[in-house]
């Protein structure tokens, strides 16, 4: 025993020394929390940030908290260029979201613990106009300043509750972000038309429980049963809730091409949804449409004429619009985008989409409920759908004419669309897919 005691004493002393060093280090850094200010980092208070946003609405706001924190703690600061990059991912993801290192950037977190270090990281990476909002999100929120909510209906699986667009036509506007566990897959618009003899729902929803949540809201508005569910295409968030609606006795209708997509890819789509939604996928089973059509299907219900129209190639196979001629309203689905950057899929026919736009414009709709984002008008969707496609095809055409490669396509200037949601995820992907498709046209 005696021969072991000196070793024990040495180990105890060593441990005590280490603890002393750690205590000193913690004292210098302010305890367990990171420093709240750092040399060389410009800081803004709430009044200064408000003034900066008024002077430059396109200022880049970076919330460095985790998505779960934003979801559960009241949202984030609203801004045209407000993005979320957790601090631990900042150095890996910032170049995709903010490629121009001269852009003015303000970083923030909840209570100014992580954001000073995030601002310092960006400065060290060569970003030249970086500030730290030192008051933090909670101060901004508590002052009643504009906040963007990641879930506008926290007591429902719906991202937002239905709003009446015109009398009798409602839409639950989905998140413009990609589908996630947090938004329950409600990242598209779930619309419905109430007539004197029943309800027509447009889009079945991403899963059984989401469809049921939508139905619960419909039943608060009307006693009329849901008679038809129309699928705007064969994507998961349009069709995976179909088995719920069939249980309610509704007839599910889709274009023949959308039905083919469901047949060919449905099992893969539902497995991806189950992996993402976990417990929220409960009850969802793959269900094929009851009825299909090629060009047009008319629903005459309760004095309302509801036209399901296929106008030609668009965003994905089987994209249709729902046209109410008496109301001058169209539920455009993924024919038209305006608040988020449209995604180009491998199956997207951009040339055909531009050609189909003439038939869409010929409807002369006064109100448009798009597939994503709030109700709008033809001018908005033309700018951010047709005009974007025309611009990208022209730019890619010039790259091909000059013998450029995929890297040149990725470098196409899309900054005019940088304020749109999902821009950071989709801009380069769109350029690459359009380039690869046009190589075969050239």
Protein backbone atom coordinates (compact mmCIF):
# COMPACT_ATOMS: atom_id res chain seq x y z
CA UNK A 1 0.00 0.00 0.00
CA UNK A 2 2.81 2.42 0.86
CA UNK A 3 4.44 2.03 -2.49
CA UNK A 4 1.21 3.12 -4.19
CA UNK A 5 0.53 6.19 -2.04
CA UNK A 6 3.02 8.60 -3.72
CA UNK A 7 1.42 7.81 -7.07
CA UNK A 8 -2.01 8.61 -5.65
CA UNK A 9 -0.75 11.85 -4.16
CA UNK A 10 0.82 12.84 -7.50
CA UNK A 11 -2.42 12.09 -9.36
CA UNK A 12 -4.46 14.10 -6.86
CA UNK A 13 -2.11 17.05 -7.14
CA UNK A 14 -2.17 16.85 -10.91
CA UNK A 15 -5.97 16.82 -10.89
CA UNK A 16 -6.05 19.78 -8.50
CA UNK A 17 -3.68 21.68 -10.77
CA UNK A 18 -5.78 20.98 -13.83
CA UNK A 19 -8.91 22.11 -12.02
CA UNK A 20 -7.13 25.31 -10.99
CA UNK A 21 -6.09 26.00 -14.57
CA UNK A 22 -9.62 25.31 -15.84
CA UNK A 23 -11.07 27.63 -13.18
CA UNK A 24 -8.73 30.40 -14.22
CA UNK A 25 -9.61 29.91 -17.87
CA UNK A 26 -13.32 30.00 -17.08
CA UNK A 27 -12.87 33.15 -15.01
CA UNK A 28 -11.14 34.87 -17.92
CA UNK A 29 -13.90 33.84 -20.36
CA UNK A 30 -16.80 34.77 -18.09
CA UNK A 31 -17.74 31.34 -16.72
CA UNK A 32 -19.42 28.63 -18.75
CA UNK A 33 -20.67 31.00 -21.46
CA UNK A 34 -18.63 32.23 -24.42
CA UNK A 35 -17.71 35.91 -24.45
CA UNK A 36 -20.50 38.32 -25.41
CA UNK A 37 -18.21 40.70 -27.33
CA UNK A 38 -14.97 40.31 -29.21
CA UNK A 39 -12.39 42.76 -30.45
CA UNK A 40 -12.77 43.59 -34.12
CA UNK A 41 -16.47 42.66 -34.32
CA UNK A 42 -18.93 45.51 -34.88
CA UNK A 43 -21.99 45.29 -32.61
CA UNK A 44 -25.51 46.59 -33.15
CA UNK A 45 -28.29 47.13 -30.64
CA UNK A 46 -31.97 46.87 -31.50
CA UNK A 47 -32.36 50.47 -32.65
CA UNK A 48 -29.27 50.18 -34.86
CA UNK A 49 -30.50 46.93 -36.45
CA UNK A 50 -33.91 48.47 -37.15
CA UNK A 51 -32.21 51.42 -38.82
CA UNK A 52 -29.93 49.15 -40.83
CA UNK A 53 -32.88 47.12 -42.13
CA UNK A 54 -34.79 50.27 -43.05
CA UNK A 55 -31.77 51.59 -44.94
CA UNK A 56 -31.08 48.26 -46.65
CA UNK A 57 -34.00 45.76 -46.61
CA UNK A 58 -31.80 43.18 -48.39
CA UNK A 59 -29.34 43.05 -45.51
CA UNK A 60 -28.40 39.41 -44.84
CA UNK A 61 -29.59 38.23 -41.41
CA UNK A 62 -28.03 34.98 -40.17
CA UNK A 63 -29.60 33.22 -37.20
CA UNK A 64 -26.90 30.90 -35.83
CA UNK A 65 -29.20 28.93 -33.53
CA UNK A 66 -30.34 25.40 -34.38
CA UNK A 67 -33.56 24.82 -36.36
CA UNK A 68 -35.12 23.15 -33.30
CA UNK A 69 -34.48 26.27 -31.22
CA UNK A 70 -36.08 28.46 -33.86
CA UNK A 71 -39.07 26.12 -34.10
CA UNK A 72 -39.70 25.93 -30.38
CA UNK A 73 -38.62 29.36 -29.14
CA UNK A 74 -40.73 31.74 -31.16
CA UNK A 75 -39.27 31.96 -34.66
CA UNK A 76 -36.57 34.24 -36.06
CA UNK A 77 -36.11 37.87 -37.10
CA UNK A 78 -38.08 38.60 -40.25
CA UNK A 79 -36.16 39.91 -43.24
CA UNK A 80 -35.97 39.57 -47.00
CA UNK A 81 -32.63 37.76 -46.66
CA UNK A 82 -33.06 35.98 -43.34
CA UNK A 83 -31.34 32.59 -43.25
CA UNK A 84 -30.54 29.99 -40.61
CA UNK A 85 -27.05 28.48 -40.41
CA UNK A 86 -26.19 26.91 -37.04
CA UNK A 87 -22.88 28.22 -35.73
CA UNK A 88 -21.20 24.82 -35.99
CA UNK A 89 -21.99 24.68 -39.73
CA UNK A 90 -21.26 28.30 -40.56
CA UNK A 91 -17.83 27.88 -42.16
CA UNK A 92 -19.11 24.99 -44.30
CA UNK A 93 -22.37 26.53 -45.53
CA UNK A 94 -21.86 30.27 -45.69
CA UNK A 95 -20.35 30.28 -49.18
CA UNK A 96 -23.46 28.65 -50.63
CA UNK A 97 -25.80 31.16 -48.98
CA UNK A 98 -23.66 34.31 -49.28
CA UNK A 99 -21.08 33.91 -52.05
CA UNK A 100 -20.34 37.65 -52.19
CA UNK A 101 -18.00 38.43 -49.29
CA UNK A 102 -18.75 42.15 -49.49
CA UNK A 103 -22.45 41.67 -48.68
CA UNK A 104 -23.55 43.34 -45.43
CA UNK A 105 -24.27 40.62 -42.87
CA UNK A 106 -25.72 40.70 -39.36
CA UNK A 107 -25.47 37.57 -37.23
CA UNK A 108 -27.51 36.91 -34.11
CA UNK A 109 -28.57 34.21 -31.69
CA UNK A 110 -30.92 34.19 -28.71
CA UNK A 111 -28.96 36.03 -26.03
CA UNK A 112 -25.65 36.99 -27.65
CA UNK A 113 -23.63 33.91 -26.65
CA UNK A 114 -22.86 32.30 -30.01
CA UNK A 115 -23.26 35.21 -32.40
CA UNK A 116 -20.08 37.16 -31.45
CA UNK A 117 -17.95 34.10 -32.23
CA UNK A 118 -19.93 33.52 -35.43
CA UNK A 119 -19.28 37.12 -36.50
CA UNK A 120 -15.57 36.68 -35.77
CA UNK A 121 -15.53 33.47 -37.83
CA UNK A 122 -17.03 35.27 -40.83
CA UNK A 123 -14.57 38.13 -40.48
CA UNK A 124 -11.65 35.70 -40.40
CA UNK A 125 -13.05 34.02 -43.54
CA UNK A 126 -12.78 37.31 -45.42
CA UNK A 127 -16.30 38.72 -45.12
CA UNK A 128 -15.79 42.45 -44.95
CA UNK A 129 -19.09 43.87 -43.66
CA UNK A 130 -20.12 41.75 -40.66
CA UNK A 131 -21.96 42.92 -37.55
CA UNK A 132 -23.24 41.16 -34.45
CA UNK A 133 -26.72 41.95 -33.14
CA UNK A 134 -25.84 42.01 -29.45
CA UNK A 135 -29.35 42.33 -27.99
CA UNK A 136 -30.34 38.97 -29.47
CA UNK A 137 -33.54 37.53 -30.87
CA UNK A 138 -35.49 37.48 -27.63
CA UNK A 139 -35.03 41.23 -27.16
CA UNK A 140 -36.20 41.79 -30.74
CA UNK A 141 -39.24 39.58 -30.22
CA UNK A 142 -40.13 41.09 -26.86
CA UNK A 143 -40.06 44.58 -28.39
CA UNK A 144 -42.84 43.45 -30.74
CA UNK A 145 -40.69 43.73 -33.86
CA UNK A 146 -41.33 41.61 -37.01
CA UNK A 147 -40.76 37.91 -36.42
CA UNK A 148 -40.94 35.09 -38.97
CA UNK A 149 -42.58 32.03 -37.46
CA UNK A 150 -41.42 28.58 -38.48
CA UNK A 151 -44.83 27.25 -37.49
CA UNK A 152 -47.79 29.59 -37.63
CA UNK A 153 -50.18 27.00 -36.14
CA UNK A 154 -48.31 25.48 -33.18
CA UNK A 155 -51.37 23.52 -31.97
CA UNK A 156 -51.90 21.81 -35.32
CA UNK A 157 -49.81 19.69 -37.66
CA UNK A 158 -50.60 22.31 -40.28
CA UNK A 159 -47.92 24.94 -40.78
CA UNK A 160 -50.68 27.56 -40.97
CA UNK A 161 -54.44 27.40 -40.55
CA UNK A 162 -56.70 27.85 -43.58
CA UNK A 163 -57.41 31.39 -44.74
CA UNK A 164 -60.35 32.43 -46.91
CA UNK A 165 -58.95 33.74 -50.19
CA UNK A 166 -62.33 34.62 -51.73
CA UNK A 167 -65.77 33.60 -50.43
CA UNK A 168 -65.93 29.81 -50.31
CA UNK A 169 -62.31 29.22 -51.38
CA UNK A 170 -59.76 28.57 -48.64
CA UNK A 171 -56.09 27.64 -48.47
CA UNK A 172 -53.77 26.49 -45.71
CA UNK A 173 -50.49 28.03 -46.87
CA UNK A 174 -47.53 25.74 -46.33
CA UNK A 175 -43.97 26.58 -45.37
CA UNK A 176 -41.80 27.66 -48.29
CA UNK A 177 -38.90 25.67 -46.81
CA UNK A 178 -38.33 22.02 -47.75
CA UNK A 179 -40.51 19.43 -46.05
CA UNK A 180 -39.28 18.57 -42.55
CA UNK A 181 -40.30 16.90 -39.32
CA UNK A 182 -40.84 20.37 -37.86
CA UNK A 183 -43.35 21.44 -40.53
CA UNK A 184 -44.88 17.93 -40.75
CA UNK A 185 -44.40 17.93 -44.51
CA UNK A 186 -46.78 20.88 -44.90
CA UNK A 187 -44.60 22.80 -47.32
CA UNK A 188 -47.19 23.18 -50.06
CA UNK A 189 -50.62 24.80 -50.17
CA UNK A 190 -53.62 22.68 -49.17
CA UNK A 191 -56.69 24.36 -50.63
CA UNK A 192 -60.40 23.61 -50.63
CA UNK A 193 -63.57 24.87 -52.30
CA UNK A 194 -66.84 24.81 -50.33
CA UNK A 195 -70.06 24.44 -52.32
CA UNK A 196 -73.69 23.89 -51.34
CA UNK A 197 -73.32 20.18 -52.06
CA UNK A 198 -69.87 19.31 -50.78
CA UNK A 199 -66.22 20.25 -50.59
CA UNK A 200 -63.42 19.80 -53.12
CA UNK A 201 -59.93 19.54 -51.59
CA UNK A 202 -56.87 20.31 -53.71
CA UNK A 203 -53.89 18.21 -52.53
CA UNK A 204 -54.22 15.27 -50.19
CA UNK A 205 -51.28 16.36 -48.01
CA UNK A 206 -47.95 14.79 -47.15
CA UNK A 207 -49.30 12.16 -44.74
CA UNK A 208 -52.40 10.72 -43.09
CA UNK A 209 -52.22 12.82 -39.92
CA UNK A 210 -51.69 16.06 -41.85
CA UNK A 211 -54.72 15.25 -44.01
CA UNK A 212 -56.75 14.62 -40.86
CA UNK A 213 -55.58 17.95 -39.39
CA UNK A 214 -56.76 19.74 -42.53
CA UNK A 215 -60.12 17.97 -42.35
CA UNK A 216 -60.54 19.02 -38.72
CA UNK A 217 -60.20 22.64 -39.83
CA UNK A 218 -62.63 22.16 -42.73
CA UNK A 219 -65.23 20.75 -40.33
CA UNK A 220 -64.94 23.91 -38.21
CA UNK A 221 -65.95 25.95 -41.26
CA UNK A 222 -68.64 23.81 -42.92
CA UNK A 223 -70.83 20.76 -42.35
CA UNK A 224 -70.51 19.78 -46.01
CA UNK A 225 -68.67 16.49 -46.66
CA UNK A 226 -65.46 16.29 -48.67
CA UNK A 227 -66.55 14.69 -51.95
CA UNK A 228 -63.44 15.04 -54.12
CA UNK A 229 -59.70 15.32 -53.53
CA UNK A 230 -57.65 16.57 -56.48
CA UNK A 231 -53.93 15.85 -56.71
CA UNK A 232 -52.01 18.67 -58.41
CA UNK A 233 -49.25 16.18 -59.33
CA UNK A 234 -47.65 12.94 -58.12
CA UNK A 235 -45.29 14.45 -55.53
CA UNK A 236 -45.44 13.18 -51.96
CA UNK A 237 -46.89 16.32 -50.38
CA UNK A 238 -49.68 16.26 -52.97
CA UNK A 239 -50.71 12.60 -52.71
CA UNK A 240 -49.50 10.70 -49.63
CA UNK A 241 -52.52 11.67 -47.51
CA UNK A 242 -54.91 10.10 -50.02
CA UNK A 243 -55.72 7.05 -47.89
CA UNK A 244 -57.17 9.32 -45.18
CA UNK A 245 -59.50 11.00 -47.67
CA UNK A 246 -60.57 7.69 -49.17
CA UNK A 247 -61.57 6.56 -45.68
CA UNK A 248 -63.86 9.60 -45.57
CA UNK A 249 -65.56 8.51 -48.79
CA UNK A 250 -63.93 11.07 -51.08
CA UNK A 251 -63.01 10.33 -54.70
CA UNK A 252 -59.32 10.99 -55.47
CA UNK A 253 -58.61 12.43 -58.95
CA UNK A 254 -55.26 12.98 -60.71
CA UNK A 255 -53.79 13.36 -64.17
CA UNK A 256 -52.75 10.10 -65.82
CA UNK A 257 -49.06 11.10 -65.73
CA UNK A 258 -49.26 11.82 -62.00
CA UNK A 259 -50.87 8.42 -61.47
CA UNK A 260 -47.99 6.83 -63.39
CA UNK A 261 -45.48 8.64 -61.14
CA UNK A 262 -47.28 7.34 -58.06
CA UNK A 263 -47.21 3.82 -59.46
CA UNK A 264 -43.55 3.96 -60.42
CA UNK A 265 -42.06 5.96 -57.54
CA UNK A 266 -44.66 5.86 -54.78
CA UNK A 267 -42.93 3.29 -52.58
CA UNK A 268 -39.67 5.26 -52.69
CA UNK A 269 -41.51 8.52 -51.93
CA UNK A 270 -43.39 7.12 -48.95
CA UNK A 271 -40.24 5.59 -47.45
CA UNK A 272 -38.48 8.96 -47.63
CA UNK A 273 -41.46 10.59 -45.94
CA UNK A 274 -41.50 7.94 -43.19
CA UNK A 275 -37.79 8.42 -42.54
CA UNK A 276 -38.27 12.18 -42.25
CA UNK A 277 -41.59 12.29 -40.37
CA UNK A 278 -41.06 9.29 -38.07
CA UNK A 279 -44.06 9.19 -35.68
CA UNK A 280 -45.91 11.75 -37.79
CA UNK A 281 -46.08 9.21 -40.63
CA UNK A 282 -48.45 7.02 -38.59
CA UNK A 283 -51.36 5.69 -40.64
CA UNK A 284 -50.03 6.72 -44.04
CA UNK A 285 -50.34 4.07 -46.75
CA UNK A 286 -49.67 4.43 -50.45
CA UNK A 287 -52.96 4.95 -52.30
CA UNK A 288 -53.50 5.31 -56.02
CA UNK A 289 -56.05 7.74 -57.50
CA UNK A 290 -59.61 6.54 -58.07
CA UNK A 291 -59.98 8.49 -61.32
CA UNK A 292 -57.53 9.84 -63.90
CA UNK A 293 -57.81 12.09 -66.95
CA UNK A 294 -55.67 13.32 -69.84
CA UNK A 295 -56.74 16.87 -70.73
CA UNK A 296 -59.71 18.01 -68.62
CA UNK A 297 -62.08 16.86 -65.88
CA UNK A 298 -65.14 18.91 -64.90
CA UNK A 299 -66.59 18.81 -61.40
CA UNK A 300 -70.10 20.34 -61.28
CA UNK A 301 -70.98 20.58 -57.62
CA UNK A 302 -73.40 22.79 -55.71
CA UNK A 303 -73.72 25.27 -58.54
CA UNK A 304 -69.94 25.61 -58.94
CA UNK A 305 -68.08 24.63 -62.11
CA UNK A 306 -64.60 23.43 -61.19
CA UNK A 307 -62.31 22.64 -64.12
CA UNK A 308 -59.25 20.43 -63.70
CA UNK A 309 -56.97 21.22 -66.62
CA UNK A 310 -53.72 19.86 -67.93
CA UNK A 311 -52.07 22.72 -69.84
CA UNK A 312 -48.91 20.92 -70.92
CA UNK A 313 -45.47 20.15 -69.46
CA UNK A 314 -44.51 22.13 -66.37
CA UNK A 315 -42.69 21.51 -63.11
CA UNK A 316 -43.29 17.76 -62.82
CA UNK A 317 -45.22 15.05 -64.70
CA UNK A 318 -48.98 15.43 -64.41
CA UNK A 319 -49.03 19.03 -63.13
CA UNK A 320 -52.56 20.40 -63.39
CA UNK A 321 -54.40 23.59 -62.49
CA UNK A 322 -57.83 23.94 -60.90
CA UNK A 323 -59.78 26.71 -62.62
CA UNK A 324 -62.93 28.39 -61.34
CA UNK A 325 -64.06 30.38 -64.40
CA UNK A 326 -66.95 32.15 -62.64
CA UNK A 327 -64.64 33.35 -59.88
CA UNK A 328 -61.62 34.13 -62.09
CA UNK A 329 -59.50 32.17 -59.61
CA UNK A 330 -56.98 29.47 -60.40
CA UNK A 331 -55.31 27.08 -57.99
CA UNK A 332 -52.16 26.78 -60.07
CA UNK A 333 -50.23 24.16 -58.15
CA UNK A 334 -46.63 23.95 -59.30
CA UNK A 335 -47.39 25.63 -62.60
CA UNK A 336 -46.55 28.94 -60.91
CA UNK A 337 -44.12 30.13 -58.20
CA UNK A 338 -43.45 33.52 -56.64
CA UNK A 339 -42.21 33.42 -53.00
CA UNK A 340 -39.69 30.61 -53.29
CA UNK A 341 -37.28 29.84 -56.07
CA UNK A 342 -38.83 27.22 -58.30
CA UNK A 343 -37.01 23.88 -58.29
CA UNK A 344 -35.94 22.21 -61.53
CA UNK A 345 -36.21 18.42 -61.26
CA UNK A 346 -34.52 15.86 -63.47
CA UNK A 347 -37.95 15.36 -65.08
CA UNK A 348 -38.72 19.08 -65.49
CA UNK A 349 -39.18 20.18 -69.11
CA UNK A 350 -38.23 23.87 -68.90
CA UNK A 351 -38.81 24.48 -72.61
CA UNK A 352 -42.23 22.83 -72.41
CA UNK A 353 -43.06 24.77 -69.24
CA UNK A 354 -42.47 28.09 -71.05
CA UNK A 355 -44.66 26.91 -73.93
CA UNK A 356 -47.44 25.84 -71.52
CA UNK A 357 -47.39 29.27 -69.92
CA UNK A 358 -49.34 30.77 -72.84
CA UNK A 359 -52.32 28.54 -72.02
CA UNK A 360 -52.00 29.46 -68.35
CA UNK A 361 -51.90 33.20 -69.10
CA UNK A 362 -54.91 32.82 -71.43
CA UNK A 363 -57.08 31.98 -68.41
CA UNK A 364 -56.76 35.66 -67.40
CA UNK A 365 -57.05 34.71 -63.75
CA UNK A 366 -57.44 37.58 -61.31
CA UNK A 367 -56.48 35.56 -58.24
CA UNK A 368 -53.83 32.82 -58.16
CA UNK A 369 -53.28 30.36 -55.33
CA UNK A 370 -49.87 28.92 -56.23
CA UNK A 371 -48.42 25.62 -55.13
CA UNK A 372 -46.21 27.44 -52.60
CA UNK A 373 -46.58 30.88 -51.03
CA UNK A 374 -49.58 33.10 -50.48
CA UNK A 375 -52.29 34.11 -52.97
CA UNK A 376 -51.03 36.48 -55.64
CA UNK A 377 -51.60 37.73 -59.19
CA UNK A 378 -50.41 36.94 -62.70
CA UNK A 379 -47.71 39.62 -62.76
CA UNK A 380 -45.93 38.12 -59.75
CA UNK A 381 -45.95 34.52 -60.93
CA UNK A 382 -44.94 35.55 -64.43
CA UNK A 383 -41.87 37.35 -63.06
CA UNK A 384 -40.74 34.48 -60.86
CA UNK A 385 -41.75 31.55 -63.05
CA UNK A 386 -41.86 32.19 -66.79
CA UNK A 387 -39.35 35.04 -66.77
CA UNK A 388 -36.94 33.08 -64.56
CA UNK A 389 -37.11 30.08 -66.89
CA UNK A 390 -36.58 32.25 -69.96
CA UNK A 391 -33.61 33.98 -68.33
CA UNK A 392 -31.96 30.75 -67.23
CA UNK A 393 -32.38 29.10 -70.62
CA UNK A 394 -30.91 32.17 -72.32
CA UNK A 395 -27.93 32.20 -69.95
CA UNK A 396 -27.30 28.48 -70.29
CA UNK A 397 -27.63 28.83 -74.06
CA UNK A 398 -24.87 31.43 -74.04
CA UNK A 399 -22.66 29.13 -71.95
CA UNK A 400 -23.17 26.29 -74.43
CA UNK A 401 -22.61 28.57 -77.43
CA UNK A 402 -19.25 29.61 -75.97
CA UNK A 403 -18.25 26.02 -75.29
CA UNK A 404 -18.60 26.44 -71.53
CA UNK A 405 -18.94 23.60 -69.08
CA UNK A 406 -21.01 22.82 -66.00
CA UNK A 407 -18.87 25.08 -63.81
CA UNK A 408 -19.69 28.00 -66.09
CA UNK A 409 -23.38 27.19 -65.71
CA UNK A 410 -23.04 27.18 -61.93
CA UNK A 411 -21.53 30.67 -62.16
CA UNK A 412 -24.58 32.18 -63.91
CA UNK A 413 -25.66 35.31 -62.06
CA UNK A 414 -28.99 34.56 -60.35
CA UNK A 415 -28.69 37.35 -57.79
CA UNK A 416 -31.95 38.97 -58.94
CA UNK A 417 -33.71 35.98 -57.36
CA UNK A 418 -31.58 35.73 -54.22
CA UNK A 419 -34.36 37.12 -52.01
CA UNK A 420 -36.60 34.14 -52.75
CA UNK A 421 -36.92 31.36 -50.19
CA UNK A 422 -34.87 28.20 -50.94
CA UNK A 423 -32.54 30.19 -53.23
CA UNK A 424 -29.48 28.95 -51.38
CA UNK A 425 -30.57 25.33 -51.87
CA UNK A 426 -31.73 25.49 -55.48
CA UNK A 427 -29.95 28.14 -57.54
CA UNK A 428 -26.88 26.11 -58.54
CA UNK A 429 -28.89 22.89 -58.75
CA UNK A 430 -31.28 24.54 -61.21
CA UNK A 431 -28.41 25.85 -63.34
CA UNK A 432 -26.82 22.41 -63.48
CA UNK A 433 -30.01 20.59 -64.41
CA UNK A 434 -30.97 23.10 -67.09
CA UNK A 435 -27.44 22.88 -68.50
CA UNK A 436 -27.50 19.08 -68.68
CA UNK A 437 -30.94 19.07 -70.33
CA UNK A 438 -30.01 21.73 -72.87
CA UNK A 439 -26.83 19.89 -73.87
CA UNK A 440 -29.10 17.44 -75.65
CA UNK A 441 -31.13 20.22 -77.29
CA UNK A 442 -28.07 22.08 -78.58
